[in-house]
Amino acid sequence: MSFRAATAFNSLLLACMAVTGCYDGRSLVEEVRNQAIQSRLDEMSIGYFRTTLPRSAVDDNPMEVEVDLFGTAVRHKIPDIETAIEANSYRLRQSVLVALRQTSAAEIADPNLTTFRERLLEVVQTELEGSPIESIGFRTVRFIPL
C-alpha cells in the first residue's frame, strides 16, 4: 500500500470513528449493572411493637396495637441502617410507641393505613437521623379490641 493510500485509509478510519463514536461495550454493561445494584431496594426489619391505645372520649373501649415494621432502603446502605437501629434502639422504640399511642380512629379506618404509615416513617427517619429509609411497611398490623 502506498503512502497516499495509507493516509487516505487512516483519514477514512478516523472519520468513521468520529461519526459513529467509540465505546467499550463491556464498560457500558458494567456501568449499567453497577447503577442497578446501587439503586436496588431491599427490606430490613425495624422492629416489633405492641402497646395499648389510650381510651378516647368518643369510644371508651380500650384497644391494643400490634405492629411488626420493616423498612425499604438502598441495598448497599442496609448494614449502616441496621447498625443505627441497634445503636438507637431505645430511643427508636420509645418514639414509635408514642406515635402508636397517638393513633386516631380515622387512621385505623383507612384501609391502606396511609397517614399511619407516613407518621411512622417520619418518626423512624427522625430517630435514625437522616437514614435513607425509602418507605415503611407492615409484616403484621393488628388493632385488637380489649
Protein backbone atom coordinates (compact mmCIF):
# COMPACT_ATOMS: atom_id res chain seq x y z
CA MET A 1 0.00 0.00 0.00
CA SER A 2 1.39 3.39 -0.91
CA PHE A 3 1.82 6.25 1.48
CA ARG A 4 -1.05 8.16 -0.13
CA ALA A 5 -3.38 5.13 0.13
CA ALA A 6 -2.38 4.52 3.77
CA THR A 7 -3.01 8.17 4.63
CA ALA A 8 -6.41 8.09 2.92
CA PHE A 9 -7.31 4.86 4.72
CA ASN A 10 -6.28 6.31 8.11
CA SER A 11 -8.26 9.50 7.39
CA LEU A 12 -11.33 7.43 6.46
CA LEU A 13 -10.93 5.31 9.60
CA LEU A 14 -10.61 8.42 11.77
CA ALA A 15 -13.68 10.00 10.14
CA CYS A 16 -15.73 6.82 10.73
CA MET A 17 -14.70 6.74 14.37
CA ALA A 18 -15.60 10.41 14.81
CA VAL A 19 -19.03 9.99 13.21
CA THR A 20 -20.07 6.70 14.83
CA GLY A 21 -18.27 7.19 18.12
CA CYS A 22 -16.13 4.88 20.13
CA TYR A 23 -17.42 2.86 23.00
CA ASP A 24 -16.47 -0.14 25.00
CA GLY A 25 -19.47 -2.47 25.26
CA ARG A 26 -18.17 -4.20 28.37
CA SER A 27 -17.70 -0.95 30.28
CA LEU A 28 -21.21 0.23 29.32
CA VAL A 29 -22.75 -3.01 30.56
CA GLU A 30 -20.69 -2.83 33.75
CA GLU A 31 -21.81 0.77 34.37
CA VAL A 32 -25.50 -0.13 33.91
CA ARG A 33 -25.08 -3.14 36.21
CA ASN A 34 -23.44 -1.00 38.93
CA GLN A 35 -26.25 1.57 38.74
CA ALA A 36 -28.87 -1.18 39.03
CA ILE A 37 -27.15 -2.67 42.08
CA GLN A 38 -26.83 0.72 43.76
CA SER A 39 -30.50 1.60 43.20
CA ARG A 40 -31.99 -1.75 44.22
CA LEU A 41 -34.21 -1.58 47.32
CA ASP A 42 -34.30 -4.34 49.92
CA GLU A 43 -36.26 -4.84 53.12
CA MET A 44 -34.93 -4.80 56.65
CA SER A 45 -36.64 -5.27 59.98
CA ILE A 46 -37.25 -2.19 62.12
CA GLY A 47 -38.90 -3.99 64.99
CA TYR A 48 -41.97 -5.43 66.66
CA PHE A 49 -44.08 -3.05 68.76
CA ARG A 50 -47.13 -3.67 70.91
CA THR A 51 -48.97 -1.15 73.09
CA THR A 52 -52.39 -0.22 74.36
CA LEU A 53 -54.14 2.84 72.96
CA PRO A 54 -55.48 5.35 75.45
CA ARG A 55 -59.26 5.41 75.87
CA SER A 56 -60.82 8.05 73.67
CA ALA A 57 -63.58 10.45 74.70
CA VAL A 58 -65.86 9.14 71.93
CA ASP A 59 -65.37 5.42 72.41
CA ASP A 60 -64.47 4.25 75.90
CA ASN A 61 -63.32 0.80 74.75
CA PRO A 62 -59.60 0.05 75.15
CA MET A 63 -57.66 -1.22 72.13
CA GLU A 64 -54.26 -2.79 71.67
CA VAL A 65 -52.00 -2.13 68.66
CA GLU A 66 -49.52 -4.74 67.43
CA VAL A 67 -47.14 -3.80 64.61
CA ASP A 68 -44.16 -5.55 63.03
CA LEU A 69 -42.40 -2.89 60.95
CA PHE A 70 -39.96 -3.20 58.08
CA GLY A 71 -38.31 -0.54 56.01
CA THR A 72 -37.04 -0.47 52.45
CA ALA A 73 -33.70 1.10 51.63
CA VAL A 74 -30.97 1.00 49.03
CA ARG A 75 -29.26 -2.35 49.37
CA HIS A 76 -25.70 -1.17 49.98
CA LYS A 77 -26.80 1.13 52.86
CA ILE A 78 -28.69 -1.53 54.84
CA PRO A 79 -25.75 -2.57 57.09
CA ASP A 80 -25.29 1.07 58.17
CA ILE A 81 -29.00 1.46 58.85
CA GLU A 82 -29.12 -1.77 60.86
CA THR A 83 -26.19 -0.51 62.95
CA ALA A 84 -28.03 2.78 63.54
CA ILE A 85 -31.20 0.90 64.55
CA GLU A 86 -29.21 -1.16 67.03
CA ALA A 87 -27.39 1.87 68.45
CA ASN A 88 -30.59 3.93 68.83
CA SER A 89 -32.94 1.07 69.70
CA TYR A 90 -34.23 2.52 73.00
CA ARG A 91 -34.99 5.97 71.58
CA LEU A 92 -36.49 4.44 68.44
CA ARG A 93 -38.68 2.08 70.48
CA GLN A 94 -39.91 4.91 72.72
CA SER A 95 -40.70 7.22 69.79
CA VAL A 96 -42.54 4.54 67.84
CA LEU A 97 -44.60 3.57 70.90
CA VAL A 98 -45.54 7.23 71.47
CA ALA A 99 -46.51 7.53 67.80
CA LEU A 100 -48.59 4.35 68.03
CA ARG A 101 -50.43 5.70 71.08
CA GLN A 102 -51.36 8.81 69.07
CA THR A 103 -53.25 6.72 66.51
CA SER A 104 -56.71 8.08 65.80
CA ALA A 105 -59.90 6.28 64.81
CA ALA A 106 -59.68 7.85 61.34
CA GLU A 107 -56.21 6.33 60.80
CA ILE A 108 -57.47 2.92 61.87
CA ALA A 109 -60.43 3.21 59.49
CA ASP A 110 -58.19 3.92 56.47
CA PRO A 111 -57.87 0.61 54.57
CA ASN A 112 -54.36 1.47 53.29
CA LEU A 113 -53.22 2.99 56.62
CA THR A 114 -51.61 5.81 54.61
CA THR A 115 -51.39 8.50 57.30
CA PHE A 116 -50.46 5.89 59.92
CA ARG A 117 -47.60 4.69 57.70
CA GLU A 118 -46.42 8.22 56.87
CA ARG A 119 -46.35 9.21 60.53
CA LEU A 120 -44.33 6.13 61.49
CA LEU A 121 -41.90 6.73 58.60
CA GLU A 122 -41.35 10.30 59.82
CA VAL A 123 -40.69 9.08 63.38
CA VAL A 124 -38.20 6.42 62.22
CA GLN A 125 -36.33 8.84 59.95
CA THR A 126 -36.15 11.43 62.73
CA GLU A 127 -34.78 8.97 65.29
CA LEU A 128 -32.25 7.47 62.90
CA GLU A 129 -31.10 10.99 61.95
CA GLY A 130 -31.35 11.14 58.20
CA SER A 131 -31.35 7.44 57.47
CA PRO A 132 -32.09 6.66 53.85
CA ILE A 133 -35.20 4.56 54.55
CA GLU A 134 -37.43 4.96 51.50
CA SER A 135 -40.67 3.54 52.88
CA ILE A 136 -42.22 1.67 55.79
CA GLY A 137 -44.29 -1.47 55.56
CA PHE A 138 -46.05 -3.81 57.92
CA ARG A 139 -45.41 -7.52 58.21
CA THR A 140 -48.16 -7.57 60.82
CA VAL A 141 -50.55 -4.87 61.93
CA ARG A 142 -53.40 -5.65 64.28
CA PHE A 143 -55.83 -3.49 66.17
CA ILE A 144 -57.22 -5.69 68.95
CA PRO A 145 -60.26 -4.54 70.97
CA LEU A 146 -59.87 -5.48 74.64
